[in-house]
Amino acid sequence: MVQIEKMTKDELIEVIRIKDELLREQREELDAYRELVEELQAKLGINDSVFTGNGD
């Protein structure tokens, strides 16, 4: 693994770009899971208070 202090500006920018892309993908996946939970709750007639989406 390369130490941050030894990375060039361009390398650091690329790392940030990659991490931003990973975060975007994870947010999309999380949104899809939330949508699935909402659909399942609606089909099962479950109240939203069971799943708040806040890790409760």
Protein backbone atom coordinates (compact mmCIF):
# COMPACT_ATOMS: atom_id res chain seq x y z
CA MET A 1 0.00 0.00 0.00
CA VAL A 2 1.26 3.46 -0.87
CA GLN A 3 1.47 6.05 1.88
CA ILE A 4 -0.64 9.15 1.30
CA GLU A 5 2.38 11.39 1.79
CA LYS A 6 4.09 9.71 -1.19
CA MET A 7 1.14 10.01 -3.57
CA THR A 8 1.01 12.64 -6.26
CA LYS A 9 -1.86 15.11 -6.51
CA ASP A 10 -3.25 13.23 -9.52
CA GLU A 11 -3.12 9.93 -7.62
CA LEU A 12 -4.94 11.46 -4.67
CA ILE A 13 -7.60 12.92 -6.96
CA GLU A 14 -8.08 9.49 -8.55
CA VAL A 15 -8.46 7.85 -5.12
CA ILE A 16 -11.10 10.43 -4.21
CA ARG A 17 -12.89 9.87 -7.53
CA ILE A 18 -12.95 6.11 -6.95
CA LYS A 19 -14.22 6.50 -3.39
CA ASP A 20 -16.91 8.94 -4.53
CA GLU A 21 -18.05 6.40 -7.14
CA LEU A 22 -18.16 3.63 -4.53
CA LEU A 23 -20.21 5.83 -2.21
CA ARG A 24 -22.62 6.67 -5.05
CA GLU A 25 -23.08 2.98 -5.80
CA GLN A 26 -23.67 2.18 -2.13
CA ARG A 27 -26.25 4.97 -1.85
CA GLU A 28 -28.07 3.61 -4.90
CA GLU A 29 -28.04 0.12 -3.41
CA LEU A 30 -29.31 1.42 -0.09
CA ASP A 31 -32.12 3.29 -1.84
CA ALA A 32 -33.06 0.09 -3.67
CA TYR A 33 -33.16 -1.83 -0.38
CA ARG A 34 -35.30 0.88 1.23
CA GLU A 35 -37.71 0.72 -1.69
CA LEU A 36 -37.86 -3.07 -1.39
CA VAL A 37 -38.57 -2.83 2.35
CA GLU A 38 -41.35 -0.33 1.70
CA GLU A 39 -42.89 -2.60 -0.94
CA LEU A 40 -42.71 -5.62 1.34
CA GLN A 41 -44.19 -3.66 4.23
CA ALA A 42 -47.05 -2.50 2.02
CA LYS A 43 -47.74 -6.07 0.85
CA LEU A 44 -47.65 -7.35 4.42
CA GLY A 45 -49.62 -4.41 5.82
CA ILE A 46 -46.84 -3.53 8.23
CA ASN A 47 -46.63 -0.06 9.75
CA ASP A 48 -43.56 2.06 8.95
CA SER A 49 -42.75 2.32 12.64
CA VAL A 50 -41.28 -1.21 12.49
CA PHE A 51 -38.47 -0.06 10.18
CA THR A 52 -37.39 3.55 10.55
CA GLY A 53 -34.32 3.27 8.33
CA ASN A 54 -32.17 4.69 11.12
CA GLY A 55 -30.71 1.39 12.29
CA ASP A 56 -33.24 1.06 15.08
